[in-house]
């Protein structure tokens, strides 16, 4: 049928929410959710996020922690999209390549 799995749809929604928070499209302060990677010469894209270390197991399931690895693994052309619609289209293309739906 060509449909994404539920987990891929959730992941895609999470990535869209991350870009909205980082670009100020939502009425949320990005500094309360995410911390940008302190080093600018990272591999991949320049919008890498820093994953805070926590001793409490519960923090791993917070939105701000659970999306960091997925966000950092996205290709540069997806993350550096000029608009939200372009990002959505590029995310679709990326997930089609990765999951072979």
PDB file of N, CA and C in Angstrom:
ATOM      1  N   UNK A   1       0.804  -1.201   0.000  1.00  0.00           N
ATOM      2  CA  UNK A   1       0.000   0.000   0.000  1.00  0.00           C
ATOM      3  C   UNK A   1       0.846   1.264   0.000  1.00  0.00           C
ATOM      4  N   UNK A   2       2.087   1.174   0.409  1.00  0.00           N
ATOM      5  CA  UNK A   2       2.945   2.344   0.404  1.00  0.00           C
ATOM      6  C   UNK A   2       2.766   3.263   1.599  1.00  0.00           C
ATOM      7  N   UNK A   3       2.250   2.749   2.714  1.00  0.00           N
ATOM      8  CA  UNK A   3       2.055   3.564   3.907  1.00  0.00           C
ATOM      9  C   UNK A   3       3.234   3.405   4.851  1.00  0.00           C
ATOM     10  N   UNK A   4       3.518   4.478   5.584  1.00  0.00           N
ATOM     11  CA  UNK A   4       4.564   4.412   6.597  1.00  0.00           C
ATOM     12  C   UNK A   4       4.055   3.657   7.815  1.00  0.00           C
ATOM     13  N   UNK A   5       4.978   3.050   8.538  1.00  0.00           N
ATOM     14  CA  UNK A   5       4.606   2.410   9.798  1.00  0.00           C
ATOM     15  C   UNK A   5       4.284   3.491  10.824  1.00  0.00           C
ATOM     16  N   UNK A   6       3.620   3.108  11.884  1.00  0.00           N
ATOM     17  CA  UNK A   6       3.261   4.065  12.923  1.00  0.00           C
ATOM     18  C   UNK A   6       4.495   4.704  13.539  1.00  0.00           C
ATOM     19  N   UNK A   7       5.533   3.923  13.760  1.00  0.00           N
ATOM     20  CA  UNK A   7       6.754   4.471  14.361  1.00  0.00           C
ATOM     21  C   UNK A   7       7.416   5.493  13.435  1.00  0.00           C
ATOM     22  N   UNK A   8       7.409   5.267  12.130  1.00  0.00           N
ATOM     23  CA  UNK A   8       7.976   6.245  11.198  1.00  0.00           C
ATOM     24  C   UNK A   8       7.128   7.513  11.134  1.00  0.00           C
ATOM     25  N   UNK A   9       5.813   7.375  11.209  1.00  0.00           N
ATOM     26  CA  UNK A   9       4.955   8.561  11.211  1.00  0.00           C
ATOM     27  C   UNK A   9       5.187   9.386  12.465  1.00  0.00           C
ATOM     28  N   UNK A  10       5.362   8.725  13.601  1.00  0.00           N
ATOM     29  CA  UNK A  10       5.655   9.443  14.850  1.00  0.00           C
ATOM     30  C   UNK A  10       7.005  10.136  14.772  1.00  0.00           C
ATOM     31  N   UNK A  11       7.990   9.428  14.249  1.00  0.00           N
ATOM     32  CA  UNK A  11       9.328  10.012  14.125  1.00  0.00           C
ATOM     33  C   UNK A  11       9.305  11.227  13.207  1.00  0.00           C
ATOM     34  N   UNK A  12       8.596  11.124  12.099  1.00  0.00           N
ATOM     35  CA  UNK A  12       8.479  12.254  11.168  1.00  0.00           C
ATOM     36  C   UNK A  12       7.805  13.446  11.857  1.00  0.00           C
ATOM     37  N   UNK A  13       6.746  13.181  12.607  1.00  0.00           N
ATOM     38  CA  UNK A  13       6.075  14.244  13.351  1.00  0.00           C
ATOM     39  C   UNK A  13       6.986  14.884  14.383  1.00  0.00           C
ATOM     40  N   UNK A  14       7.806  14.066  15.033  1.00  0.00           N
ATOM     41  CA  UNK A  14       8.767  14.599  16.004  1.00  0.00           C
ATOM     42  C   UNK A  14       9.791  15.501  15.326  1.00  0.00           C
ATOM     43  N   UNK A  15      10.289  15.098  14.162  1.00  0.00           N
ATOM     44  CA  UNK A  15      11.279  15.917  13.457  1.00  0.00           C
ATOM     45  C   UNK A  15      10.671  17.251  12.995  1.00  0.00           C
ATOM     46  N   UNK A  16       9.419  17.222  12.581  1.00  0.00           N
ATOM     47  CA  UNK A  16       8.737  18.460  12.190  1.00  0.00           C
ATOM     48  C   UNK A  16       8.583  19.364  13.401  1.00  0.00           C
ATOM     49  N   UNK A  17       8.261  18.780  14.551  1.00  0.00           N
ATOM     50  CA  UNK A  17       8.123  19.582  15.768  1.00  0.00           C
ATOM     51  C   UNK A  17       9.460  20.172  16.189  1.00  0.00           C
ATOM     52  N   UNK A  18      10.541  19.425  16.040  1.00  0.00           N
ATOM     53  CA  UNK A  18      11.868  19.943  16.388  1.00  0.00           C
ATOM     54  C   UNK A  18      12.193  21.171  15.545  1.00  0.00           C
ATOM     55  N   UNK A  19      11.971  21.113  14.242  1.00  0.00           N
ATOM     56  CA  UNK A  19      12.297  22.256  13.393  1.00  0.00           C
ATOM     57  C   UNK A  19      11.411  23.455  13.727  1.00  0.00           C
ATOM     58  N   UNK A  20      10.164  23.194  14.101  1.00  0.00           N
ATOM     59  CA  UNK A  20       9.286  24.289  14.504  1.00  0.00           C
ATOM     60  C   UNK A  20       9.795  24.965  15.772  1.00  0.00           C
ATOM     61  N   UNK A  21      10.233  24.169  16.726  1.00  0.00           N
ATOM     62  CA  UNK A  21      10.750  24.728  17.976  1.00  0.00           C
ATOM     63  C   UNK A  21      12.047  25.488  17.720  1.00  0.00           C
ATOM     64  N   UNK A  22      12.962  24.905  16.947  1.00  0.00           N
ATOM     65  CA  UNK A  22      14.258  25.550  16.701  1.00  0.00           C
ATOM     66  C   UNK A  22      14.129  26.851  15.914  1.00  0.00           C
ATOM     67  N   UNK A  23      13.157  26.924  15.009  1.00  0.00           N
ATOM     68  CA  UNK A  23      12.995  28.119  14.175  1.00  0.00           C
ATOM     69  C   UNK A  23      11.979  29.103  14.734  1.00  0.00           C
ATOM     70  N   UNK A  24      11.453  28.844  15.924  1.00  0.00           N
ATOM     71  CA  UNK A  24      10.525  29.776  16.550  1.00  0.00           C
ATOM     72  C   UNK A  24       9.149  29.799  15.908  1.00  0.00           C
ATOM     73  N   UNK A  25       8.759  28.728  15.225  1.00  0.00           N
ATOM     74  CA  UNK A  25       7.436  28.681  14.600  1.00  0.00           C
ATOM     75  C   UNK A  25       6.345  28.354  15.618  1.00  0.00           C
ATOM     76  N   UNK A  26       6.721  27.746  16.718  1.00  0.00           N
ATOM     77  CA  UNK A  26       5.806  27.501  17.823  1.00  0.00           C
ATOM     78  C   UNK A  26       6.080  28.539  18.893  1.00  0.00           C
ATOM     79  N   UNK A  27       5.144  28.717  19.768  1.00  0.00           N
ATOM     80  CA  UNK A  27       5.306  29.702  20.830  1.00  0.00           C
ATOM     81  C   UNK A  27       6.045  29.068  22.011  1.00  0.00           C
ATOM     82  N   UNK A  28       7.191  28.458  21.714  1.00  0.00           N
ATOM     83  CA  UNK A  28       8.013  27.796  22.718  1.00  0.00           C
ATOM     84  C   UNK A  28       9.436  28.312  22.620  1.00  0.00           C
ATOM     85  N   UNK A  29      10.093  28.396  23.744  1.00  0.00           N
ATOM     86  CA  UNK A  29      11.484  28.838  23.783  1.00  0.00           C
ATOM     87  C   UNK A  29      12.389  27.641  23.512  1.00  0.00           C
ATOM     88  N   UNK A  30      13.168  27.707  22.439  1.00  0.00           N
ATOM     89  CA  UNK A  30      13.991  26.546  22.053  1.00  0.00           C
ATOM     90  C   UNK A  30      15.052  26.217  23.088  1.00  0.00           C
ATOM     91  N   UNK A  31      15.515  27.209  23.846  1.00  0.00           N
ATOM     92  CA  UNK A  31      16.557  26.960  24.851  1.00  0.00           C
ATOM     93  C   UNK A  31      16.062  26.084  26.000  1.00  0.00           C
ATOM     94  N   UNK A  32      14.757  26.060  26.238  1.00  0.00           N
ATOM     95  CA  UNK A  32      14.240  25.213  27.313  1.00  0.00           C
ATOM     96  C   UNK A  32      14.175  23.745  26.885  1.00  0.00           C
ATOM     97  N   UNK A  33      14.143  23.481  25.589  1.00  0.00           N
ATOM     98  CA  UNK A  33      14.058  22.114  25.097  1.00  0.00           C
ATOM     99  C   UNK A  33      15.410  21.573  24.649  1.00  0.00           C
ATOM    100  N   UNK A  34      16.150  22.382  23.914  1.00  0.00           N
ATOM    101  CA  UNK A  34      17.356  21.875  23.259  1.00  0.00           C
ATOM    102  C   UNK A  34      18.548  22.770  23.527  1.00  0.00           C
ATOM    103  N   UNK A  35      19.712  22.141  23.438  1.00  0.00           N
ATOM    104  CA  UNK A  35      20.965  22.873  23.513  1.00  0.00           C
ATOM    105  C   UNK A  35      21.743  22.540  22.248  1.00  0.00           C
ATOM    106  N   UNK A  36      22.144  23.576  21.527  1.00  0.00           N
ATOM    107  CA  UNK A  36      22.907  23.348  20.296  1.00  0.00           C
ATOM    108  C   UNK A  36      24.278  22.788  20.630  1.00  0.00           C
ATOM    109  N   UNK A  37      24.795  21.973  19.744  1.00  0.00           N
ATOM    110  CA  UNK A  37      26.128  21.403  19.947  1.00  0.00           C
ATOM    111  C   UNK A  37      27.140  22.528  19.994  1.00  0.00           C
ATOM    112  N   UNK A  38      28.029  22.523  20.984  1.00  0.00           N
ATOM    113  CA  UNK A  38      28.957  23.644  21.149  1.00  0.00           C
ATOM    114  C   UNK A  38      30.003  23.743  20.047  1.00  0.00           C
ATOM    115  N   UNK A  39      30.309  22.643  19.391  1.00  0.00           N
ATOM    116  CA  UNK A  39      31.329  22.651  18.343  1.00  0.00           C
ATOM    117  C   UNK A  39      30.646  22.857  16.999  1.00  0.00           C
ATOM    118  N   UNK A  40      31.139  23.777  16.200  1.00  0.00           N
ATOM    119  CA  UNK A  40      30.520  24.089  14.916  1.00  0.00           C
ATOM    120  C   UNK A  40      31.075  23.268  13.760  1.00  0.00           C
ATOM    121  N   UNK A  41      32.189  22.575  13.955  1.00  0.00           N
ATOM    122  CA  UNK A  41      32.771  21.788  12.870  1.00  0.00           C
ATOM    123  C   UNK A  41      32.360  20.321  12.993  1.00  0.00           C
ATOM    124  N   UNK A  42      31.046  20.106  13.126  1.00  0.00           N
ATOM    125  CA  UNK A  42      30.529  18.752  13.239  1.00  0.00           C
ATOM    126  C   UNK A  42      30.327  18.156  11.855  1.00  0.00           C
ATOM    127  N   UNK A  43      30.319  16.837  11.790  1.00  0.00           N
ATOM    128  CA  UNK A  43      30.008  16.179  10.524  1.00  0.00           C
ATOM    129  C   UNK A  43      28.528  16.321  10.242  1.00  0.00           C
ATOM    130  N   UNK A  44      28.181  16.341   8.985  1.00  0.00           N
ATOM    131  CA  UNK A  44      26.771  16.459   8.622  1.00  0.00           C
ATOM    132  C   UNK A  44      26.327  17.910   8.606  1.00  0.00           C
ATOM    133  N   UNK A  45      25.222  18.189   9.260  1.00  0.00           N
ATOM    134  CA  UNK A  45      24.681  19.546   9.239  1.00  0.00           C
ATOM    135  C   UNK A  45      25.156  20.359  10.439  1.00  0.00           C
ATOM    136  N   UNK A  46      24.944  21.676  10.368  1.00  0.00           N
ATOM    137  CA  UNK A  46      25.437  22.571  11.416  1.00  0.00           C
ATOM    138  C   UNK A  46      24.395  22.816  12.508  1.00  0.00           C
ATOM    139  N   UNK A  47      23.281  22.114  12.477  1.00  0.00           N
ATOM    140  CA  UNK A  47      22.232  22.283  13.480  1.00  0.00           C
ATOM    141  C   UNK A  47      22.198  21.114  14.459  1.00  0.00           C
ATOM    142  N   UNK A  48      23.338  20.538  14.722  1.00  0.00           N
ATOM    143  CA  UNK A  48      23.407  19.407  15.648  1.00  0.00           C
ATOM    144  C   UNK A  48      22.983  19.854  17.041  1.00  0.00           C
ATOM    145  N   UNK A  49      22.318  18.947  17.741  1.00  0.00           N
ATOM    146  CA  UNK A  49      21.871  19.211  19.097  1.00  0.00           C
ATOM    147  C   UNK A  49      22.724  18.423  20.073  1.00  0.00           C
ATOM    148  N   UNK A  50      22.895  18.971  21.252  1.00  0.00           N
ATOM    149  CA  UNK A  50      23.677  18.344  22.306  1.00  0.00           C
ATOM    150  C   UNK A  50      22.747  17.539  23.197  1.00  0.00           C
ATOM    151  N   UNK A  51      23.097  16.300  23.455  1.00  0.00           N
ATOM    152  CA  UNK A  51      22.283  15.452  24.320  1.00  0.00           C
ATOM    153  C   UNK A  51      22.816  15.548  25.741  1.00  0.00           C
ATOM    154  N   UNK A  52      21.993  16.077  26.616  1.00  0.00           N
ATOM    155  CA  UNK A  52      22.399  16.261  28.012  1.00  0.00           C
ATOM    156  C   UNK A  52      22.450  14.916  28.716  1.00  0.00           C
ATOM    157  N   UNK A  53      23.452  14.764  29.556  1.00  0.00           N
ATOM    158  CA  UNK A  53      23.600  13.521  30.318  1.00  0.00           C
ATOM    159  C   UNK A  53      22.714  13.595  31.556  1.00  0.00           C
ATOM    160  N   UNK A  54      22.055  12.499  31.853  1.00  0.00           N
ATOM    161  CA  UNK A  54      21.189  12.447  33.016  1.00  0.00           C
ATOM    162  C   UNK A  54      21.381  11.127  33.734  1.00  0.00           C
ATOM    163  N   UNK A  55      21.366  11.196  35.041  1.00  0.00           N
ATOM    164  CA  UNK A  55      21.493   9.978  35.828  1.00  0.00           C
ATOM    165  C   UNK A  55      20.144   9.292  36.027  1.00  0.00           C
ATOM    166  N   UNK A  56      19.085  10.028  35.775  1.00  0.00           N
ATOM    167  CA  UNK A  56      17.753   9.488  35.977  1.00  0.00           C
ATOM    168  C   UNK A  56      17.287   8.824  34.683  1.00  0.00           C
ATOM    169  N   UNK A  57      16.888   7.574  34.785  1.00  0.00           N
ATOM    170  CA  UNK A  57      16.452   6.794  33.615  1.00  0.00           C
ATOM    171  C   UNK A  57      15.227   7.408  32.945  1.00  0.00           C
ATOM    172  N   UNK A  58      14.377   8.035  33.706  1.00  0.00           N
ATOM    173  CA  UNK A  58      13.138   8.607  33.194  1.00  0.00           C
ATOM    174  C   UNK A  58      13.391   9.703  32.158  1.00  0.00           C
ATOM    175  N   UNK A  59      14.467  10.460  32.292  1.00  0.00           N
ATOM    176  CA  UNK A  59      14.756  11.574  31.391  1.00  0.00           C
ATOM    177  C   UNK A  59      15.009  11.134  29.956  1.00  0.00           C
ATOM    178  N   UNK A  60      15.398   9.879  29.746  1.00  0.00           N
ATOM    179  CA  UNK A  60      15.653   9.379  28.397  1.00  0.00           C
ATOM    180  C   UNK A  60      14.401   9.416  27.529  1.00  0.00           C
ATOM    181  N   UNK A  61      13.237   9.378  28.164  1.00  0.00           N
ATOM    182  CA  UNK A  61      11.985   9.327  27.429  1.00  0.00           C
ATOM    183  C   UNK A  61      11.356  10.700  27.220  1.00  0.00           C
ATOM    184  N   UNK A  62      11.983  11.762  27.719  1.00  0.00           N
ATOM    185  CA  UNK A  62      11.490  13.113  27.476  1.00  0.00           C
ATOM    186  C   UNK A  62      11.652  13.432  25.995  1.00  0.00           C
ATOM    187  N   UNK A  63      10.733  14.220  25.461  1.00  0.00           N
ATOM    188  CA  UNK A  63      10.789  14.587  24.052  1.00  0.00           C
ATOM    189  C   UNK A  63      12.132  15.213  23.698  1.00  0.00           C
ATOM    190  N   UNK A  64      12.586  16.130  24.542  1.00  0.00           N
ATOM    191  CA  UNK A  64      13.817  16.863  24.243  1.00  0.00           C
ATOM    192  C   UNK A  64      15.050  15.968  24.214  1.00  0.00           C
ATOM    193  N   UNK A  65      14.993  14.806  24.831  1.00  0.00           N
ATOM    194  CA  UNK A  65      16.122  13.877  24.821  1.00  0.00           C
ATOM    195  C   UNK A  65      15.957  12.764  23.792  1.00  0.00           C
ATOM    196  N   UNK A  66      14.724  12.349  23.572  1.00  0.00           N
ATOM    197  CA  UNK A  66      14.517  11.201  22.692  1.00  0.00           C
ATOM    198  C   UNK A  66      14.697  11.522  21.215  1.00  0.00           C
ATOM    199  N   UNK A  67      14.603  12.787  20.828  1.00  0.00           N
ATOM    200  CA  UNK A  67      14.702  13.139  19.412  1.00  0.00           C
ATOM    201  C   UNK A  67      16.098  13.562  18.973  1.00  0.00           C
ATOM    202  N   UNK A  68      17.004  13.755  19.917  1.00  0.00           N
ATOM    203  CA  UNK A  68      18.326  14.315  19.585  1.00  0.00           C
ATOM    204  C   UNK A  68      19.105  13.413  18.626  1.00  0.00           C
ATOM    205  N   UNK A  69      19.184  12.131  18.905  1.00  0.00           N
ATOM    206  CA  UNK A  69      19.964  11.235  18.039  1.00  0.00           C
ATOM    207  C   UNK A  69      19.362  11.143  16.638  1.00  0.00           C
ATOM    208  N   UNK A  70      18.036  11.075  16.573  1.00  0.00           N
ATOM    209  CA  UNK A  70      17.373  11.016  15.264  1.00  0.00           C
ATOM    210  C   UNK A  70      17.600  12.307  14.489  1.00  0.00           C
ATOM    211  N   UNK A  71      17.495  13.445  15.173  1.00  0.00           N
ATOM    212  CA  UNK A  71      17.705  14.739  14.526  1.00  0.00           C
ATOM    213  C   UNK A  71      19.131  14.862  14.010  1.00  0.00           C
ATOM    214  N   UNK A  72      20.101  14.492  14.834  1.00  0.00           N
ATOM    215  CA  UNK A  72      21.503  14.615  14.446  1.00  0.00           C
ATOM    216  C   UNK A  72      21.885  13.686  13.300  1.00  0.00           C
ATOM    217  N   UNK A  73      21.114  12.621  13.106  1.00  0.00           N
ATOM    218  CA  UNK A  73      21.438  11.683  12.026  1.00  0.00           C
ATOM    219  C   UNK A  73      20.815  12.071  10.685  1.00  0.00           C
ATOM    220  N   UNK A  74      19.944  13.077  10.675  1.00  0.00           N
ATOM    221  CA  UNK A  74      19.320  13.496   9.416  1.00  0.00           C
ATOM    222  C   UNK A  74      20.356  14.120   8.491  1.00  0.00           C
ATOM    223  N   UNK A  75      20.196  13.957   7.178  1.00  0.00           N
ATOM    224  CA  UNK A  75      21.141  14.560   6.233  1.00  0.00           C
ATOM    225  C   UNK A  75      21.010  16.082   6.175  1.00  0.00           C
ATOM    226  N   UNK A  76      22.063  16.708   5.727  1.00  0.00           N
ATOM    227  CA  UNK A  76      22.149  18.163   5.669  1.00  0.00           C
ATOM    228  C   UNK A  76      21.029  18.778   4.830  1.00  0.00           C
ATOM    229  N   UNK A  77      20.703  18.171   3.696  1.00  0.00           N
ATOM    230  CA  UNK A  77      19.695  18.766   2.805  1.00  0.00           C
ATOM    231  C   UNK A  77      18.309  18.761   3.430  1.00  0.00           C
ATOM    232  N   UNK A  78      18.046  17.864   4.366  1.00  0.00           N
ATOM    233  CA  UNK A  78      16.744  17.846   5.046  1.00  0.00           C
ATOM    234  C   UNK A  78      16.696  18.938   6.103  1.00  0.00           C
ATOM    235  N   UNK A  79      17.705  18.993   6.949  1.00  0.00           N
ATOM    236  CA  UNK A  79      17.714  19.910   8.085  1.00  0.00           C
ATOM    237  C   UNK A  79      17.821  21.365   7.646  1.00  0.00           C
ATOM    238  N   UNK A  80      18.561  21.639   6.600  1.00  0.00           N
ATOM    239  CA  UNK A  80      18.783  23.016   6.174  1.00  0.00           C
ATOM    240  C   UNK A  80      17.768  23.464   5.120  1.00  0.00           C
ATOM    241  N   UNK A  81      16.543  22.952   5.201  1.00  0.00           N
ATOM    242  CA  UNK A  81      15.481  23.338   4.268  1.00  0.00           C
ATOM    243  C   UNK A  81      15.056  24.779   4.523  1.00  0.00           C
ATOM    244  N   UNK A  82      14.637  25.448   3.453  1.00  0.00           N
ATOM    245  CA  UNK A  82      14.296  26.867   3.534  1.00  0.00           C
ATOM    246  C   UNK A  82      12.937  27.116   4.179  1.00  0.00           C
ATOM    247  N   UNK A  83      12.030  26.166   4.081  1.00  0.00           N
ATOM    248  CA  UNK A  83      10.697  26.360   4.649  1.00  0.00           C
ATOM    249  C   UNK A  83      10.200  25.046   5.235  1.00  0.00           C
ATOM    250  N   UNK A  84       9.103  25.138   5.966  1.00  0.00           N
ATOM    251  CA  UNK A  84       8.544  23.951   6.596  1.00  0.00           C
ATOM    252  C   UNK A  84       8.019  22.956   5.561  1.00  0.00           C
ATOM    253  N   UNK A  85       7.397  23.452   4.505  1.00  0.00           N
ATOM    254  CA  UNK A  85       6.882  22.553   3.461  1.00  0.00           C
ATOM    255  C   UNK A  85       8.005  21.824   2.735  1.00  0.00           C
ATOM    256  N   UNK A  86       9.093  22.526   2.468  1.00  0.00           N
ATOM    257  CA  UNK A  86      10.242  21.881   1.824  1.00  0.00           C
ATOM    258  C   UNK A  86      10.820  20.818   2.750  1.00  0.00           C
ATOM    259  N   UNK A  87      10.883  21.119   4.050  1.00  0.00           N
ATOM    260  CA  UNK A  87      11.376  20.146   5.019  1.00  0.00           C
ATOM    261  C   UNK A  87      10.499  18.904   5.025  1.00  0.00           C
ATOM    262  N   UNK A  88       9.184  19.088   5.010  1.00  0.00           N
ATOM    263  CA  UNK A  88       8.270  17.941   5.006  1.00  0.00           C
ATOM    264  C   UNK A  88       8.475  17.079   3.769  1.00  0.00           C
ATOM    265  N   UNK A  89       8.619  17.717   2.612  1.00  0.00           N
ATOM    266  CA  UNK A  89       8.847  16.958   1.373  1.00  0.00           C
ATOM    267  C   UNK A  89      10.163  16.202   1.406  1.00  0.00           C
ATOM    268  N   UNK A  90      11.212  16.860   1.912  1.00  0.00           N
ATOM    269  CA  UNK A  90      12.514  16.203   1.980  1.00  0.00           C
ATOM    270  C   UNK A  90      12.532  15.089   3.016  1.00  0.00           C
ATOM    271  N   UNK A  91      11.778  15.270   4.108  1.00  0.00           N
ATOM    272  CA  UNK A  91      11.650  14.193   5.089  1.00  0.00           C
ATOM    273  C   UNK A  91      10.967  12.980   4.469  1.00  0.00           C
ATOM    274  N   UNK A  92       9.908  13.227   3.690  1.00  0.00           N
ATOM    275  CA  UNK A  92       9.231  12.127   2.999  1.00  0.00           C
ATOM    276  C   UNK A  92      10.193  11.378   2.093  1.00  0.00           C
ATOM    277  N   UNK A  93      10.959  12.126   1.308  1.00  0.00           N
ATOM    278  CA  UNK A  93      11.931  11.498   0.408  1.00  0.00           C
ATOM    279  C   UNK A  93      12.973  10.707   1.190  1.00  0.00           C
ATOM    280  N   UNK A  94      13.444  11.272   2.297  1.00  0.00           N
ATOM    281  CA  UNK A  94      14.453  10.608   3.128  1.00  0.00           C
ATOM    282  C   UNK A  94      13.909   9.304   3.701  1.00  0.00           C
ATOM    283  N   UNK A  95      12.699   9.344   4.250  1.00  0.00           N
ATOM    284  CA  UNK A  95      12.122   8.131   4.845  1.00  0.00           C
ATOM    285  C   UNK A  95      11.778   7.097   3.791  1.00  0.00           C
ATOM    286  N   UNK A  96      11.451   7.526   2.588  1.00  0.00           N
ATOM    287  CA  UNK A  96      11.223   6.556   1.495  1.00  0.00           C
ATOM    288  C   UNK A  96      12.511   5.833   1.154  1.00  0.00           C
ATOM    289  N   UNK A  97      13.624   6.571   1.134  1.00  0.00           N
ATOM    290  CA  UNK A  97      14.917   5.950   0.835  1.00  0.00           C
ATOM    291  C   UNK A  97      15.335   5.005   1.953  1.00  0.00           C
ATOM    292  N   UNK A  98      15.156   5.449   3.181  1.00  0.00           N
ATOM    293  CA  UNK A  98      15.636   4.672   4.329  1.00  0.00           C
ATOM    294  C   UNK A  98      14.780   3.445   4.580  1.00  0.00           C
ATOM    295  N   UNK A  99      13.458   3.604   4.522  1.00  0.00           N
ATOM    296  CA  UNK A  99      12.589   2.483   4.883  1.00  0.00           C
ATOM    297  C   UNK A  99      12.121   1.679   3.669  1.00  0.00           C
ATOM    298  N   UNK A 100      12.324   2.229   2.490  1.00  0.00           N
ATOM    299  CA  UNK A 100      11.904   1.578   1.244  1.00  0.00           C
ATOM    300  C   UNK A 100      10.426   1.196   1.278  1.00  0.00           C
ATOM    301  N   UNK A 101       9.593   2.212   1.615  1.00  0.00           N
ATOM    302  CA  UNK A 101       8.131   2.006   1.652  1.00  0.00           C
ATOM    303  C   UNK A 101       7.619   1.845   0.264  1.00  0.00           C
TER     304      UNK A 101
END
